[in-house]
Every structure is written in structure tokens, then in C-alpha cells.
Amino acid sequence: MPIRFEWDPAKNDANQRKHGLRFEDAKTIFLWEADRFDELDDGHSGKEARFISVGSIPVGLITVVWTTPSDHVVRIISVRWSSRRERKLYRAYNDFYQ
């Protein structure tokens, strides 16, 4: 079953103004799971598990915060350019699994 994506349109607009990335850009990293580093966002997981993923899009590495409110649904919360620390983690993860 294909993944369905959802997000708040107002948050998407605000995210694009702040980070220069749209939530639509974030969808790309979910298509190539092997090329994505995921970790649980313990500090922000409340009633549902939140994840932070670092993945590659054609123009660079991005960090996506997301959750799964139900099976086969990914709700994107934010997307931004990856920090230096996140880029290092991503490279280490890919080096280890390649």
C-alpha cells in the first residue's frame, strides 16, 4: 500500500518562508528508505511517536520531523536544511550500512 502524506497547509507556507523548503520536498526522502537516517524524537514525543529523519534530495541533505498518525500515513511537521551534526550522522550511518 502506498504511503499517504498529510500536513497543515499554513505550517507548510510558514516553513517555506522560514527554511526555503516545502513539505512536498520532504516526501522525496521517504521513497528511498535505504538512503535515510531515522531516529525517535524522544524529547517531543508525547501521545504519538515523533521521528527525525535526515535524507538526500537532489540539492542537498534535509531534516524532516514527522509522525505516523495511522498506518501508511506520514504527517510532516517540519523540514529544514540539515545541520553539520546531522550531516555527520547521516554520513556515518550510510558508511556503516554500505
PDB file of N, CA and C in Angstrom:
ATOM      1  N   MET A   1       0.852  -1.176   0.000  1.00  0.00           N
ATOM      2  CA  MET A   1       0.000   0.000   0.000  1.00  0.00           C
ATOM      3  C   MET A   1       0.903   1.245   0.000  1.00  0.00           C
ATOM      4  N   PRO A   2       0.625   2.203  -0.854  1.00  0.00           N
ATOM      5  CA  PRO A   2       1.463   3.413  -0.917  1.00  0.00           C
ATOM      6  C   PRO A   2       1.293   4.291   0.330  1.00  0.00           C
ATOM      7  N   ILE A   3       2.329   5.048   0.597  1.00  0.00           N
ATOM      8  CA  ILE A   3       2.297   5.988   1.714  1.00  0.00           C
ATOM      9  C   ILE A   3       1.483   7.212   1.318  1.00  0.00           C
ATOM     10  N   ARG A   4       0.644   7.661   2.230  1.00  0.00           N
ATOM     11  CA  ARG A   4      -0.097   8.912   2.024  1.00  0.00           C
ATOM     12  C   ARG A   4       0.545   9.971   2.924  1.00  0.00           C
ATOM     13  N   PHE A   5       0.687  11.173   2.398  1.00  0.00           N
ATOM     14  CA  PHE A   5       1.294  12.266   3.145  1.00  0.00           C
ATOM     15  C   PHE A   5       0.243  13.305   3.479  1.00  0.00           C
ATOM     16  N   GLU A   6       0.385  13.891   4.678  1.00  0.00           N
ATOM     17  CA  GLU A   6      -0.515  14.978   5.065  1.00  0.00           C
ATOM     18  C   GLU A   6       0.280  16.003   5.856  1.00  0.00           C
ATOM     19  N   TRP A   7      -0.248  17.228   5.873  1.00  0.00           N
ATOM     20  CA  TRP A   7       0.355  18.308   6.648  1.00  0.00           C
ATOM     21  C   TRP A   7      -0.613  19.467   6.723  1.00  0.00           C
ATOM     22  N   ASP A   8      -0.299  20.379   7.592  1.00  0.00           N
ATOM     23  CA  ASP A   8      -1.079  21.600   7.759  1.00  0.00           C
ATOM     24  C   ASP A   8      -0.612  22.592   6.692  1.00  0.00           C
ATOM     25  N   PRO A   9      -1.494  23.036   5.793  1.00  0.00           N
ATOM     26  CA  PRO A   9      -1.089  23.958   4.729  1.00  0.00           C
ATOM     27  C   PRO A   9      -0.497  25.273   5.248  1.00  0.00           C
ATOM     28  N   ALA A  10      -1.020  25.794   6.340  1.00  0.00           N
ATOM     29  CA  ALA A  10      -0.474  27.041   6.899  1.00  0.00           C
ATOM     30  C   ALA A  10       0.941  26.822   7.420  1.00  0.00           C
ATOM     31  N   LYS A  11       1.185  25.663   8.049  1.00  0.00           N
ATOM     32  CA  LYS A  11       2.541  25.341   8.520  1.00  0.00           C
ATOM     33  C   LYS A  11       3.498  25.166   7.346  1.00  0.00           C
ATOM     34  N   ASN A  12       3.001  24.595   6.266  1.00  0.00           N
ATOM     35  CA  ASN A  12       3.814  24.420   5.070  1.00  0.00           C
ATOM     36  C   ASN A  12       4.258  25.780   4.526  1.00  0.00           C
ATOM     37  N   ASP A  13       3.325  26.718   4.462  1.00  0.00           N
ATOM     38  CA  ASP A  13       3.657  28.075   3.989  1.00  0.00           C
ATOM     39  C   ASP A  13       4.677  28.742   4.905  1.00  0.00           C
ATOM     40  N   ALA A  14       4.461  28.646   6.209  1.00  0.00           N
ATOM     41  CA  ALA A  14       5.387  29.251   7.176  1.00  0.00           C
ATOM     42  C   ALA A  14       6.760  28.594   7.086  1.00  0.00           C
ATOM     43  N   ASN A  15       6.786  27.271   6.918  1.00  0.00           N
ATOM     44  CA  ASN A  15       8.048  26.543   6.808  1.00  0.00           C
ATOM     45  C   ASN A  15       8.813  26.975   5.560  1.00  0.00           C
ATOM     46  N   GLN A  16       8.092  27.175   4.463  1.00  0.00           N
ATOM     47  CA  GLN A  16       8.744  27.601   3.223  1.00  0.00           C
ATOM     48  C   GLN A  16       9.356  28.997   3.386  1.00  0.00           C
ATOM     49  N   ARG A  17       8.647  29.886   4.045  1.00  0.00           N
ATOM     50  CA  ARG A  17       9.197  31.228   4.277  1.00  0.00           C
ATOM     51  C   ARG A  17      10.432  31.180   5.186  1.00  0.00           C
ATOM     52  N   LYS A  18      10.378  30.356   6.215  1.00  0.00           N
ATOM     53  CA  LYS A  18      11.465  30.303   7.202  1.00  0.00           C
ATOM     54  C   LYS A  18      12.686  29.521   6.713  1.00  0.00           C
ATOM     55  N   HIS A  19      12.463  28.370   6.065  1.00  0.00           N
ATOM     56  CA  HIS A  19      13.572  27.477   5.713  1.00  0.00           C
ATOM     57  C   HIS A  19      13.816  27.337   4.211  1.00  0.00           C
ATOM     58  N   GLY A  20      12.914  27.874   3.391  1.00  0.00           N
ATOM     59  CA  GLY A  20      13.087  27.757   1.950  1.00  0.00           C
ATOM     60  C   GLY A  20      12.782  26.371   1.406  1.00  0.00           C
ATOM     61  N   LEU A  21      12.110  25.550   2.186  1.00  0.00           N
ATOM     62  CA  LEU A  21      11.739  24.198   1.762  1.00  0.00           C
ATOM     63  C   LEU A  21      10.249  23.985   1.980  1.00  0.00           C
ATOM     64  N   ARG A  22       9.653  23.251   1.053  1.00  0.00           N
ATOM     65  CA  ARG A  22       8.235  22.921   1.164  1.00  0.00           C
ATOM     66  C   ARG A  22       8.090  21.499   1.692  1.00  0.00           C
ATOM     67  N   PHE A  23       6.978  21.194   2.292  1.00  0.00           N
ATOM     68  CA  PHE A  23       6.738  19.837   2.767  1.00  0.00           C
ATOM     69  C   PHE A  23       6.732  18.844   1.605  1.00  0.00           C
ATOM     70  N   GLU A  24       6.361  19.302   0.425  1.00  0.00           N
ATOM     71  CA  GLU A  24       6.399  18.447  -0.755  1.00  0.00           C
ATOM     72  C   GLU A  24       7.830  17.958  -1.018  1.00  0.00           C
ATOM     73  N   ASP A  25       8.832  18.815  -0.732  1.00  0.00           N
ATOM     74  CA  ASP A  25      10.235  18.419  -0.893  1.00  0.00           C
ATOM     75  C   ASP A  25      10.578  17.253   0.028  1.00  0.00           C
ATOM     76  N   ALA A  26      10.001  17.239   1.207  1.00  0.00           N
ATOM     77  CA  ALA A  26      10.305  16.220   2.212  1.00  0.00           C
ATOM     78  C   ALA A  26       9.808  14.835   1.806  1.00  0.00           C
ATOM     79  N   LYS A  27       8.770  14.767   1.016  1.00  0.00           N
ATOM     80  CA  LYS A  27       8.223  13.475   0.601  1.00  0.00           C
ATOM     81  C   LYS A  27       9.287  12.608  -0.070  1.00  0.00           C
ATOM     82  N   THR A  28      10.215  13.228  -0.766  1.00  0.00           N
ATOM     83  CA  THR A  28      11.225  12.514  -1.534  1.00  0.00           C
ATOM     84  C   THR A  28      12.025  11.530  -0.691  1.00  0.00           C
ATOM     85  N   ILE A  29      12.393  11.903   0.529  1.00  0.00           N
ATOM     86  CA  ILE A  29      13.258  11.026   1.314  1.00  0.00           C
ATOM     87  C   ILE A  29      12.549   9.755   1.771  1.00  0.00           C
ATOM     88  N   PHE A  30      11.238   9.731   1.713  1.00  0.00           N
ATOM     89  CA  PHE A  30      10.510   8.531   2.109  1.00  0.00           C
ATOM     90  C   PHE A  30      10.424   7.509   0.973  1.00  0.00           C
ATOM     91  N   LEU A  31      10.806   7.908  -0.224  1.00  0.00           N
ATOM     92  CA  LEU A  31      10.765   6.999  -1.362  1.00  0.00           C
ATOM     93  C   LEU A  31      11.979   6.081  -1.398  1.00  0.00           C
ATOM     94  N   TRP A  32      13.088   6.507  -0.792  1.00  0.00           N
ATOM     95  CA  TRP A  32      14.320   5.716  -0.765  1.00  0.00           C
ATOM     96  C   TRP A  32      14.739   5.498   0.671  1.00  0.00           C
ATOM     97  N   GLU A  33      14.050   4.587   1.353  1.00  0.00           N
ATOM     98  CA  GLU A  33      14.284   4.379   2.779  1.00  0.00           C
ATOM     99  C   GLU A  33      15.734   4.018   3.101  1.00  0.00           C
ATOM    100  N   ALA A  34      16.407   3.323   2.200  1.00  0.00           N
ATOM    101  CA  ALA A  34      17.780   2.909   2.480  1.00  0.00           C
ATOM    102  C   ALA A  34      18.719   4.113   2.543  1.00  0.00           C
ATOM    103  N   ASP A  35      18.296   5.228   1.985  1.00  0.00           N
ATOM    104  CA  ASP A  35      19.136   6.425   1.945  1.00  0.00           C
ATOM    105  C   ASP A  35      18.622   7.485   2.927  1.00  0.00           C
ATOM    106  N   ARG A  36      18.117   7.009   4.068  1.00  0.00           N
ATOM    107  CA  ARG A  36      17.542   7.912   5.060  1.00  0.00           C
ATOM    108  C   ARG A  36      17.940   7.435   6.443  1.00  0.00           C
ATOM    109  N   PHE A  37      18.321   8.374   7.295  1.00  0.00           N
ATOM    110  CA  PHE A  37      18.658   8.074   8.675  1.00  0.00           C
ATOM    111  C   PHE A  37      17.505   8.547   9.548  1.00  0.00           C
ATOM    112  N   ASP A  38      16.945   7.646  10.348  1.00  0.00           N
ATOM    113  CA  ASP A  38      15.807   7.970  11.214  1.00  0.00           C
ATOM    114  C   ASP A  38      16.191   7.802  12.671  1.00  0.00           C
ATOM    115  N   GLU A  39      15.639   8.681  13.510  1.00  0.00           N
ATOM    116  CA  GLU A  39      15.751   8.471  14.944  1.00  0.00           C
ATOM    117  C   GLU A  39      14.480   8.976  15.621  1.00  0.00           C
ATOM    118  N   LEU A  40      14.153   8.346  16.731  1.00  0.00           N
ATOM    119  CA  LEU A  40      12.988   8.755  17.515  1.00  0.00           C
ATOM    120  C   LEU A  40      13.286  10.087  18.179  1.00  0.00           C
ATOM    121  N   ASP A  41      12.349  11.009  18.135  1.00  0.00           N
ATOM    122  CA  ASP A  41      12.479  12.309  18.789  1.00  0.00           C
ATOM    123  C   ASP A  41      11.866  12.203  20.184  1.00  0.00           C
ATOM    124  N   ASP A  42      12.629  11.596  21.107  1.00  0.00           N
ATOM    125  CA  ASP A  42      12.128  11.364  22.471  1.00  0.00           C
ATOM    126  C   ASP A  42      11.666  12.642  23.152  1.00  0.00           C
ATOM    127  N   GLY A  43      12.385  13.720  22.932  1.00  0.00           N
ATOM    128  CA  GLY A  43      12.077  14.968  23.613  1.00  0.00           C
ATOM    129  C   GLY A  43      10.749  15.583  23.224  1.00  0.00           C
ATOM    130  N   HIS A  44      10.231  15.218  22.044  1.00  0.00           N
ATOM    131  CA  HIS A  44       8.980  15.809  21.590  1.00  0.00           C
ATOM    132  C   HIS A  44       7.875  14.781  21.360  1.00  0.00           C
ATOM    133  N   SER A  45       8.151  13.527  21.664  1.00  0.00           N
ATOM    134  CA  SER A  45       7.126  12.500  21.511  1.00  0.00           C
ATOM    135  C   SER A  45       6.232  12.514  22.740  1.00  0.00           C
ATOM    136  N   GLY A  46       4.981  12.799  22.531  1.00  0.00           N
ATOM    137  CA  GLY A  46       4.011  12.816  23.627  1.00  0.00           C
ATOM    138  C   GLY A  46       3.055  11.668  23.444  1.00  0.00           C
ATOM    139  N   LYS A  47       1.855  11.984  22.989  1.00  0.00           N
ATOM    140  CA  LYS A  47       0.846  10.943  22.789  1.00  0.00           C
ATOM    141  C   LYS A  47       1.103  10.116  21.531  1.00  0.00           C
ATOM    142  N   GLU A  48       1.975  10.604  20.659  1.00  0.00           N
ATOM    143  CA  GLU A  48       2.359   9.826  19.478  1.00  0.00           C
ATOM    144  C   GLU A  48       3.867   9.945  19.268  1.00  0.00           C
ATOM    145  N   ALA A  49       4.460   8.912  18.699  1.00  0.00           N
ATOM    146  CA  ALA A  49       5.901   8.919  18.447  1.00  0.00           C
ATOM    147  C   ALA A  49       6.228   9.897  17.323  1.00  0.00           C
ATOM    148  N   ARG A  50       7.240  10.725  17.573  1.00  0.00           N
ATOM    149  CA  ARG A  50       7.728  11.664  16.566  1.00  0.00           C
ATOM    150  C   ARG A  50       9.111  11.222  16.142  1.00  0.00           C
ATOM    151  N   PHE A  51       9.409  11.409  14.871  1.00  0.00           N
ATOM    152  CA  PHE A  51      10.687  10.984  14.323  1.00  0.00           C
ATOM    153  C   PHE A  51      11.396  12.150  13.656  1.00  0.00           C
ATOM    154  N   ILE A  52      12.713  12.057  13.640  1.00  0.00           N
ATOM    155  CA  ILE A  52      13.556  12.990  12.904  1.00  0.00           C
ATOM    156  C   ILE A  52      14.307  12.164  11.877  1.00  0.00           C
ATOM    157  N   SER A  53      14.218  12.561  10.629  1.00  0.00           N
ATOM    158  CA  SER A  53      14.905  11.848   9.562  1.00  0.00           C
ATOM    159  C   SER A  53      15.786  12.796   8.784  1.00  0.00           C
ATOM    160  N   VAL A  54      16.945  12.301   8.406  1.00  0.00           N
ATOM    161  CA  VAL A  54      17.854  13.045   7.537  1.00  0.00           C
ATOM    162  C   VAL A  54      17.970  12.255   6.249  1.00  0.00           C
ATOM    163  N   GLY A  55      17.739  12.933   5.138  1.00  0.00           N
ATOM    164  CA  GLY A  55      17.792  12.250   3.856  1.00  0.00           C
ATOM    165  C   GLY A  55      18.215  13.195   2.756  1.00  0.00           C
ATOM    166  N   SER A  56      18.499  12.596   1.632  1.00  0.00           N
ATOM    167  CA  SER A  56      19.029  13.330   0.495  1.00  0.00           C
ATOM    168  C   SER A  56      17.930  13.678  -0.506  1.00  0.00           C
ATOM    169  N   ILE A  57      17.950  14.925  -0.962  1.00  0.00           N
ATOM    170  CA  ILE A  57      17.153  15.340  -2.106  1.00  0.00           C
ATOM    171  C   ILE A  57      18.162  15.829  -3.147  1.00  0.00           C
ATOM    172  N   PRO A  58      17.770  16.055  -4.380  1.00  0.00           N
ATOM    173  CA  PRO A  58      18.754  16.411  -5.403  1.00  0.00           C
ATOM    174  C   PRO A  58      19.652  17.605  -5.084  1.00  0.00           C
ATOM    175  N   VAL A  59      19.213  18.512  -4.222  1.00  0.00           N
ATOM    176  CA  VAL A  59      20.021  19.712  -3.952  1.00  0.00           C
ATOM    177  C   VAL A  59      20.704  19.708  -2.590  1.00  0.00           C
ATOM    178  N   GLY A  60      20.614  18.626  -1.823  1.00  0.00           N
ATOM    179  CA  GLY A  60      21.301  18.572  -0.539  1.00  0.00           C
ATOM    180  C   GLY A  60      20.604  17.684   0.469  1.00  0.00           C
ATOM    181  N   LEU A  61      21.082  17.762   1.704  1.00  0.00           N
ATOM    182  CA  LEU A  61      20.507  16.973   2.796  1.00  0.00           C
ATOM    183  C   LEU A  61      19.484  17.801   3.570  1.00  0.00           C
ATOM    184  N   ILE A  62      18.353  17.165   3.852  1.00  0.00           N
ATOM    185  CA  ILE A  62      17.303  17.828   4.620  1.00  0.00           C
ATOM    186  C   ILE A  62      16.971  17.017   5.861  1.00  0.00           C
ATOM    187  N   THR A  63      16.431  17.697   6.849  1.00  0.00           N
ATOM    188  CA  THR A  63      15.964  17.072   8.080  1.00  0.00           C
ATOM    189  C   THR A  63      14.461  17.266   8.163  1.00  0.00           C
ATOM    190  N   VAL A  64      13.761  16.165   8.357  1.00  0.00           N
ATOM    191  CA  VAL A  64      12.305  16.165   8.382  1.00  0.00           C
ATOM    192  C   VAL A  64      11.835  15.667   9.748  1.00  0.00           C
ATOM    193  N   VAL A  65      10.919  16.400  10.353  1.00  0.00           N
ATOM    194  CA  VAL A  65      10.255  15.955  11.578  1.00  0.00           C
ATOM    195  C   VAL A  65       8.873  15.473  11.153  1.00  0.00           C
ATOM    196  N   TRP A  66       8.521  14.272  11.604  1.00  0.00           N
ATOM    197  CA  TRP A  66       7.269  13.668  11.141  1.00  0.00           C
ATOM    198  C   TRP A  66       6.723  12.682  12.165  1.00  0.00           C
ATOM    199  N   THR A  67       5.493  12.270  11.954  1.00  0.00           N
ATOM    200  CA  THR A  67       4.843  11.272  12.781  1.00  0.00           C
ATOM    201  C   THR A  67       3.954  10.405  11.896  1.00  0.00           C
ATOM    202  N   THR A  68       3.462   9.325  12.457  1.00  0.00           N
ATOM    203  CA  THR A  68       2.566   8.440  11.717  1.00  0.00           C
ATOM    204  C   THR A  68       1.262   8.299  12.500  1.00  0.00           C
ATOM    205  N   PRO A  69       0.276   9.140  12.204  1.00  0.00           N
ATOM    206  CA  PRO A  69      -0.984   9.078  12.949  1.00  0.00           C
ATOM    207  C   PRO A  69      -1.771   7.791  12.710  1.00  0.00           C
ATOM    208  N   SER A  70      -1.509   7.118  11.570  1.00  0.00           N
ATOM    209  CA  SER A  70      -2.151   5.836  11.281  1.00  0.00           C
ATOM    210  C   SER A  70      -1.303   5.089  10.252  1.00  0.00           C
ATOM    211  N   ASP A  71      -1.657   3.838  10.010  1.00  0.00           N
ATOM    212  CA  ASP A  71      -0.892   3.022   9.062  1.00  0.00           C
ATOM    213  C   ASP A  71      -0.831   3.679   7.688  1.00  0.00           C
ATOM    214  N   HIS A  72       0.344   3.672   7.106  1.00  0.00           N
ATOM    215  CA  HIS A  72       0.584   4.167   5.756  1.00  0.00           C
ATOM    216  C   HIS A  72       0.337   5.667   5.591  1.00  0.00           C
ATOM    217  N   VAL A  73       0.343   6.405   6.703  1.00  0.00           N
ATOM    218  CA  VAL A  73       0.189   7.859   6.653  1.00  0.00           C
ATOM    219  C   VAL A  73       1.387   8.487   7.355  1.00  0.00           C
ATOM    220  N   VAL A  74       2.013   9.443   6.676  1.00  0.00           N
ATOM    221  CA  VAL A  74       3.106  10.219   7.249  1.00  0.00           C
ATOM    222  C   VAL A  74       2.627  11.659   7.343  1.00  0.00           C
ATOM    223  N   ARG A  75       2.622  12.202   8.564  1.00  0.00           N
ATOM    224  CA  ARG A  75       2.264  13.606   8.754  1.00  0.00           C
ATOM    225  C   ARG A  75       3.558  14.389   8.952  1.00  0.00           C
ATOM    226  N   ILE A  76       3.843  15.273   8.014  1.00  0.00           N
ATOM    227  CA  ILE A  76       5.066  16.067   8.062  1.00  0.00           C
ATOM    228  C   ILE A  76       4.820  17.280   8.950  1.00  0.00           C
ATOM    229  N   ILE A  77       5.728  17.479   9.902  1.00  0.00           N
ATOM    230  CA  ILE A  77       5.619  18.572  10.859  1.00  0.00           C
ATOM    231  C   ILE A  77       6.530  19.730  10.469  1.00  0.00           C
ATOM    232  N   SER A  78       7.744  19.414  10.006  1.00  0.00           N
ATOM    233  CA  SER A  78       8.666  20.457   9.542  1.00  0.00           C
ATOM    234  C   SER A  78       9.754  19.845   8.669  1.00  0.00           C
ATOM    235  N   VAL A  79      10.382  20.699   7.882  1.00  0.00           N
ATOM    236  CA  VAL A  79      11.533  20.306   7.061  1.00  0.00           C
ATOM    237  C   VAL A  79      12.483  21.503   6.998  1.00  0.00           C
ATOM    238  N   ARG A  80      13.771  21.197   7.091  1.00  0.00           N
ATOM    239  CA  ARG A  80      14.790  22.249   7.036  1.00  0.00           C
ATOM    240  C   ARG A  80      16.072  21.637   6.494  1.00  0.00           C
ATOM    241  N   TRP A  81      17.029  22.486   6.184  1.00  0.00           N
ATOM    242  CA  TRP A  81      18.340  22.006   5.759  1.00  0.00           C
ATOM    243  C   TRP A  81      19.028  21.373   6.956  1.00  0.00           C
ATOM    244  N   SER A  82      19.711  20.289   6.751  1.00  0.00           N
ATOM    245  CA  SER A  82      20.377  19.565   7.836  1.00  0.00           C
ATOM    246  C   SER A  82      21.537  20.366   8.412  1.00  0.00           C
ATOM    247  N   SER A  83      21.707  20.242   9.730  1.00  0.00           N
ATOM    248  CA  SER A  83      22.820  20.887  10.427  1.00  0.00           C
ATOM    249  C   SER A  83      24.110  20.087  10.177  1.00  0.00           C
ATOM    250  N   ARG A  84      25.226  20.654  10.563  1.00  0.00           N
ATOM    251  CA  ARG A  84      26.511  19.965  10.421  1.00  0.00           C
ATOM    252  C   ARG A  84      26.485  18.631  11.174  1.00  0.00           C
ATOM    253  N   ARG A  85      25.968  18.659  12.392  1.00  0.00           N
ATOM    254  CA  ARG A  85      25.879  17.436  13.195  1.00  0.00           C
ATOM    255  C   ARG A  85      25.023  16.371  12.499  1.00  0.00           C
ATOM    256  N   GLU A  86      23.898  16.777  11.947  1.00  0.00           N
ATOM    257  CA  GLU A  86      23.011  15.832  11.253  1.00  0.00           C
ATOM    258  C   GLU A  86      23.659  15.289   9.991  1.00  0.00           C
ATOM    259  N   ARG A  87      24.411  16.116   9.280  1.00  0.00           N
ATOM    260  CA  ARG A  87      25.113  15.644   8.079  1.00  0.00           C
ATOM    261  C   ARG A  87      26.159  14.588   8.452  1.00  0.00           C
ATOM    262  N   LYS A  88      26.868  14.812   9.571  1.00  0.00           N
ATOM    263  CA  LYS A  88      27.863  13.838  10.034  1.00  0.00           C
ATOM    264  C   LYS A  88      27.199  12.515  10.413  1.00  0.00           C
ATOM    265  N   LEU A  89      26.089  12.578  11.124  1.00  0.00           N
ATOM    266  CA  LEU A  89      25.355  11.360  11.494  1.00  0.00           C
ATOM    267  C   LEU A  89      24.889  10.606  10.248  1.00  0.00           C
ATOM    268  N   TYR A  90      24.382  11.338   9.292  1.00  0.00           N
ATOM    269  CA  TYR A  90      23.895  10.736   8.042  1.00  0.00           C
ATOM    270  C   TYR A  90      25.033  10.020   7.323  1.00  0.00           C
ATOM    271  N   ARG A  91      26.190  10.690   7.195  1.00  0.00           N
ATOM    272  CA  ARG A  91      27.333  10.076   6.519  1.00  0.00           C
ATOM    273  C   ARG A  91      27.809   8.827   7.261  1.00  0.00           C
ATOM    274  N   ALA A  92      27.891   8.905   8.588  1.00  0.00           N
ATOM    275  CA  ALA A  92      28.323   7.759   9.387  1.00  0.00           C
ATOM    276  C   ALA A  92      27.346   6.592   9.232  1.00  0.00           C
ATOM    277  N   TYR A  93      26.076   6.885   9.246  1.00  0.00           N
ATOM    278  CA  TYR A  93      25.054   5.857   9.070  1.00  0.00           C
ATOM    279  C   TYR A  93      25.206   5.192   7.708  1.00  0.00           C
ATOM    280  N   ASN A  94      25.336   5.990   6.658  1.00  0.00           N
ATOM    281  CA  ASN A  94      25.465   5.416   5.314  1.00  0.00           C
ATOM    282  C   ASN A  94      26.763   4.657   5.142  1.00  0.00           C
ATOM    283  N   ASP A  95      27.861   5.130   5.721  1.00  0.00           N
ATOM    284  CA  ASP A  95      29.134   4.408   5.630  1.00  0.00           C
ATOM    285  C   ASP A  95      29.025   3.047   6.325  1.00  0.00           C
ATOM    286  N   PHE A  96      28.334   3.013   7.463  1.00  0.00           N
ATOM    287  CA  PHE A  96      28.203   1.782   8.223  1.00  0.00           C
ATOM    288  C   PHE A  96      27.374   0.751   7.462  1.00  0.00           C
ATOM    289  N   TYR A  97      26.297   1.179   6.812  1.00  0.00           N
ATOM    290  CA  TYR A  97      25.372   0.243   6.157  1.00  0.00           C
ATOM    291  C   TYR A  97      25.668   0.000   4.695  1.00  0.00           C
ATOM    292  N   GLN A  98      26.752   0.541   4.164  1.00  0.00           N
ATOM    293  CA  GLN A  98      27.080   0.307   2.755  1.00  0.00           C
ATOM    294  C   GLN A  98      28.142  -0.724   2.608  1.00  0.00           C
TER     295      GLN A  98
END
